[in-house]
Amino acid sequence: MNKKCDQCDLINHLSAWICVRCGAALGESENISSKRGFLKSGLVKRALVCVAVLFGVVFAFYFSLVLSADSLRPPERALVSSAITHLEQTGFNDEAFLLKHLTVFRANDNWLNASVEKENAYAATNFPFEIVTLYPDFFTYPADDIERAAILLHEAKHLQGKDEREAYEFVWKNRKRLGWTAEAYRRSVIWREIRKLTKEYSPVLFVCDFNEFGDCTER
């Protein structure tokens, strides 16, 4: 504790009884703490400023991604909503929640996607910003909500931080639960494309000679 002079506001030493500047008497009631509050220290203030700037940069980057691409049109949003509903109905609740409540869908490339080579013509995901771009082929080639749900399920795994191998494996292993079977979709463009890419990213799933196409996930 130090003593503050009531007359001139000078901070005096604790043992002082007279202000060294103006000579006024110092009383017990004028004692103040010599230690500054933790949150008032210069180091903490600088750290808080750095954190605030960091968050500002992240939010600016996020909004630049969102605003540099177009939003979906109402008919497209309706198709996406139907596909997400199918995911909910078939038990993919975590993925459906992520797509339904935390994902921003865009209709074309933002500036970042436009600067890199795209994996395919259906969709792209910006992780961890939870932005999914759905290209025109997403609305053209899938036969129905089930195939659109299969594509969204793949993107949902990217939204969870999974890589391409994990995403393709998850969708292929869970295709029957999704209602996406060879009997019904064998000739579909999406079926053949995803089967081909799954085999490229996870060849270990296709080394069973006793199953069609060597698919170890067939039962």
Protein backbone atom coordinates (compact mmCIF):
# COMPACT_ATOMS: atom_id res chain seq x y z
CA MET A 1 0.00 0.00 0.00
CA ASN A 2 1.19 3.52 -0.82
CA LYS A 3 -0.21 6.85 0.29
CA LYS A 4 -1.80 9.29 -2.13
CA CYS A 5 -1.77 12.99 -1.30
CA ASP A 6 -5.24 14.53 -1.21
CA GLN A 7 -3.86 17.92 -2.26
CA CYS A 8 -1.61 17.19 -5.23
CA ASP A 9 -2.34 13.46 -5.98
CA LEU A 10 1.31 12.49 -5.59
CA ILE A 11 1.88 8.86 -4.58
CA ASN A 12 4.07 8.80 -1.47
CA HIS A 13 5.84 5.95 0.25
CA LEU A 14 3.86 3.98 2.83
CA SER A 15 5.99 5.24 5.74
CA ALA A 16 5.60 8.92 4.78
CA TRP A 17 3.32 11.14 6.89
CA ILE A 18 3.90 14.36 4.94
CA CYS A 19 3.69 14.74 1.16
CA VAL A 20 7.14 15.31 -0.27
CA ARG A 21 5.73 17.60 -2.97
CA CYS A 22 3.29 19.93 -1.18
CA GLY A 23 3.92 19.17 2.50
CA ALA A 24 0.30 18.21 3.23
CA ALA A 25 -0.34 15.64 5.96
CA LEU A 26 -1.10 12.10 4.80
CA GLY A 27 -3.80 10.15 6.63
CA GLU A 28 -4.68 6.44 6.84
CA SER A 29 -7.76 6.89 4.65
CA GLU A 30 -5.61 8.03 1.74
CA ASN A 31 -3.74 4.71 1.40
CA ILE A 32 -3.94 3.11 -2.06
CA SER A 33 -2.55 -0.09 -3.53
CA SER A 34 0.86 0.12 -5.20
CA LYS A 35 -0.01 -2.87 -7.38
CA ARG A 36 -2.01 -2.23 -10.52
CA GLY A 37 -4.91 -4.58 -11.26
CA PHE A 38 -4.03 -7.57 -13.44
CA LEU A 39 -6.39 -6.54 -16.23
CA LYS A 40 -4.95 -2.99 -16.16
CA SER A 41 -1.37 -4.04 -16.74
CA GLY A 42 0.23 -3.06 -20.05
CA LEU A 43 1.14 -6.66 -20.93
CA VAL A 44 -2.43 -7.90 -20.55
CA LYS A 45 -3.80 -4.96 -22.52
CA ARG A 46 -1.42 -5.70 -25.38
CA ALA A 47 -2.39 -9.37 -25.30
CA LEU A 48 -6.09 -8.49 -25.43
CA VAL A 49 -5.47 -6.15 -28.34
CA CYS A 50 -3.61 -8.93 -30.20
CA VAL A 51 -6.46 -11.38 -29.58
CA ALA A 52 -9.02 -8.83 -30.76
CA VAL A 53 -7.00 -8.15 -33.93
CA LEU A 54 -6.66 -11.89 -34.56
CA PHE A 55 -10.41 -12.44 -34.24
CA GLY A 56 -11.02 -9.44 -36.48
CA VAL A 57 -8.75 -10.87 -39.18
CA VAL A 58 -10.44 -14.29 -38.99
CA PHE A 59 -13.93 -12.79 -39.24
CA ALA A 60 -12.86 -10.55 -42.12
CA PHE A 61 -11.42 -13.59 -43.94
CA TYR A 62 -14.63 -15.56 -43.32
CA PHE A 63 -16.91 -12.82 -44.58
CA SER A 64 -14.71 -12.30 -47.63
CA LEU A 65 -15.27 -15.97 -48.51
CA VAL A 66 -19.02 -15.70 -48.01
CA LEU A 67 -19.51 -12.39 -49.80
CA SER A 68 -17.33 -13.24 -52.80
CA ALA A 69 -19.74 -16.03 -53.86
CA ASP A 70 -23.45 -16.10 -54.66
CA SER A 71 -26.10 -17.63 -52.43
CA LEU A 72 -28.32 -20.49 -53.58
CA ARG A 73 -31.59 -19.74 -55.33
CA PRO A 74 -34.85 -20.82 -53.65
CA PRO A 75 -35.32 -23.98 -55.81
CA GLU A 76 -31.73 -25.00 -55.05
CA ARG A 77 -32.20 -24.40 -51.33
CA ALA A 78 -35.30 -26.60 -51.44
CA LEU A 79 -33.33 -29.49 -52.99
CA VAL A 80 -30.58 -29.12 -50.37
CA SER A 81 -33.16 -29.06 -47.59
CA SER A 82 -34.78 -32.26 -48.89
CA ALA A 83 -31.42 -34.02 -49.03
CA ILE A 84 -30.58 -32.96 -45.46
CA THR A 85 -34.01 -34.18 -44.33
CA HIS A 86 -33.18 -37.58 -45.85
CA LEU A 87 -29.94 -37.65 -43.83
CA GLU A 88 -31.95 -36.98 -40.67
CA GLN A 89 -34.45 -39.71 -41.51
CA THR A 90 -31.72 -42.28 -42.05
CA GLY A 91 -29.95 -41.56 -38.77
CA PHE A 92 -27.08 -39.25 -39.78
CA ASN A 93 -28.14 -36.74 -37.15
CA ASP A 94 -24.75 -35.17 -36.42
CA GLU A 95 -23.99 -34.57 -40.07
CA ALA A 96 -27.52 -33.28 -40.74
CA PHE A 97 -27.31 -30.86 -37.80
CA LEU A 98 -24.00 -29.53 -39.06
CA LEU A 99 -25.34 -29.03 -42.59
CA LYS A 100 -28.66 -27.61 -41.47
CA HIS A 101 -27.61 -25.19 -38.75
CA LEU A 102 -23.91 -24.39 -39.04
CA THR A 103 -23.16 -24.46 -42.77
CA VAL A 104 -23.32 -21.59 -45.25
CA PHE A 105 -24.08 -22.82 -48.78
CA ARG A 106 -22.86 -20.91 -51.83
CA ALA A 107 -23.67 -21.40 -55.51
CA ASN A 108 -20.25 -20.67 -57.04
CA ASP A 109 -16.59 -20.33 -56.14
CA ASN A 110 -15.41 -17.78 -53.61
CA TRP A 111 -12.04 -16.16 -54.25
CA LEU A 112 -10.16 -18.90 -52.39
CA ASN A 113 -11.80 -21.81 -54.23
CA ALA A 114 -11.25 -20.06 -57.55
CA SER A 115 -7.49 -19.99 -56.87
CA VAL A 116 -7.08 -23.77 -56.42
CA GLU A 117 -7.85 -26.83 -58.50
CA LYS A 118 -11.16 -28.40 -57.52
CA GLU A 119 -11.52 -32.07 -56.61
CA ASN A 120 -14.72 -32.64 -58.56
CA ALA A 121 -17.63 -30.85 -60.16
CA TYR A 122 -20.21 -31.41 -57.43
CA ALA A 123 -19.16 -29.59 -54.26
CA ALA A 124 -16.28 -28.06 -52.30
CA THR A 125 -15.85 -27.33 -48.60
CA ASN A 126 -13.92 -24.61 -46.80
CA PHE A 127 -12.91 -26.04 -43.42
CA PRO A 128 -13.00 -24.78 -40.66
CA PHE A 129 -15.22 -21.98 -41.93
CA GLU A 130 -18.14 -24.37 -42.58
CA ILE A 131 -18.78 -23.08 -46.10
CA VAL A 132 -19.97 -25.53 -48.76
CA THR A 133 -20.04 -24.58 -52.42
CA LEU A 134 -22.53 -26.56 -54.53
CA TYR A 135 -21.77 -26.46 -58.23
CA PRO A 136 -24.42 -26.77 -60.99
CA ASP A 137 -23.62 -30.49 -61.47
CA PHE A 138 -24.83 -31.12 -57.91
CA PHE A 139 -28.33 -30.18 -59.06
CA THR A 140 -28.06 -31.79 -62.51
CA TYR A 141 -26.61 -35.30 -62.25
CA PRO A 142 -27.91 -36.85 -59.00
CA ALA A 143 -30.98 -38.97 -59.66
CA ASP A 144 -32.81 -37.91 -56.50
CA ASP A 145 -32.56 -36.71 -52.88
CA ILE A 146 -30.68 -39.86 -51.90
CA GLU A 147 -27.79 -39.19 -54.26
CA ARG A 148 -27.70 -35.52 -53.26
CA ALA A 149 -27.67 -36.70 -49.63
CA ALA A 150 -24.68 -38.93 -50.42
CA ILE A 151 -22.74 -35.94 -51.74
CA LEU A 152 -23.72 -33.78 -48.75
CA LEU A 153 -22.72 -36.59 -46.39
CA HIS A 154 -19.27 -36.56 -47.98
CA GLU A 155 -19.02 -32.79 -47.52
CA ALA A 156 -20.26 -33.08 -43.92
CA LYS A 157 -17.24 -35.25 -43.11
CA HIS A 158 -15.01 -32.49 -44.48
CA LEU A 159 -16.87 -30.01 -42.26
CA GLN A 160 -15.85 -32.26 -39.36
CA GLY A 161 -12.21 -32.04 -40.42
CA LYS A 162 -11.96 -35.42 -42.19
CA ASP A 163 -9.75 -35.83 -45.26
CA GLU A 164 -10.76 -37.23 -48.66
CA ARG A 165 -10.00 -40.85 -47.81
CA GLU A 166 -12.04 -40.73 -44.61
CA ALA A 167 -14.94 -38.96 -46.33
CA TYR A 168 -15.14 -41.41 -49.24
CA GLU A 169 -14.79 -44.41 -46.93
CA PHE A 170 -17.55 -43.19 -44.63
CA VAL A 171 -20.05 -42.62 -47.43
CA TRP A 172 -19.26 -45.91 -49.18
CA LYS A 173 -19.48 -47.97 -45.99
CA ASN A 174 -22.79 -46.33 -45.05
CA ARG A 175 -24.43 -46.30 -48.49
CA LYS A 176 -26.99 -48.99 -47.65
CA ARG A 177 -28.02 -47.18 -44.48
CA LEU A 178 -28.50 -44.14 -46.69
CA GLY A 179 -30.68 -46.18 -49.05
CA TRP A 180 -28.13 -45.81 -51.82
CA THR A 181 -27.75 -49.36 -53.16
CA ALA A 182 -26.25 -50.96 -56.24
CA GLU A 183 -29.59 -52.53 -57.13
CA ALA A 184 -31.21 -49.12 -57.57
CA TYR A 185 -28.30 -46.88 -58.60
CA ARG A 186 -25.82 -49.12 -60.42
CA ARG A 187 -26.20 -47.17 -63.66
CA SER A 188 -26.23 -43.69 -62.14
CA VAL A 189 -23.47 -41.21 -62.95
CA ILE A 190 -22.99 -40.36 -59.26
CA TRP A 191 -22.75 -44.03 -58.22
CA ARG A 192 -20.06 -44.81 -60.78
CA GLU A 193 -18.12 -41.62 -60.07
CA ILE A 194 -18.09 -42.03 -56.30
CA ARG A 195 -17.25 -45.73 -56.56
CA LYS A 196 -14.29 -44.88 -58.80
CA LEU A 197 -13.02 -42.13 -56.49
CA THR A 198 -13.52 -44.28 -53.39
CA LYS A 199 -11.43 -46.99 -55.01
CA GLU A 200 -8.70 -44.44 -55.77
CA TYR A 201 -8.59 -42.99 -52.26
CA SER A 202 -9.19 -46.22 -50.36
CA PRO A 203 -8.14 -49.21 -52.51
CA VAL A 204 -8.11 -51.46 -49.46
CA LEU A 205 -11.92 -51.55 -49.64
CA PHE A 206 -11.75 -53.20 -53.06
CA VAL A 207 -9.47 -56.21 -52.68
CA CYS A 208 -12.06 -58.92 -52.01
CA ASP A 209 -12.16 -61.19 -55.06
CA PHE A 210 -15.29 -62.97 -53.89
CA ASN A 211 -17.47 -59.82 -54.24
CA GLU A 212 -18.53 -57.82 -57.28
CA PHE A 213 -15.89 -55.27 -58.24
CA GLY A 214 -13.81 -56.66 -55.35
CA ASP A 215 -15.84 -54.51 -52.94
CA CYS A 216 -15.12 -55.68 -49.38
CA THR A 217 -18.07 -53.68 -48.05
CA GLU A 218 -20.63 -55.73 -49.99
CA ARG A 219 -22.70 -58.17 -47.93
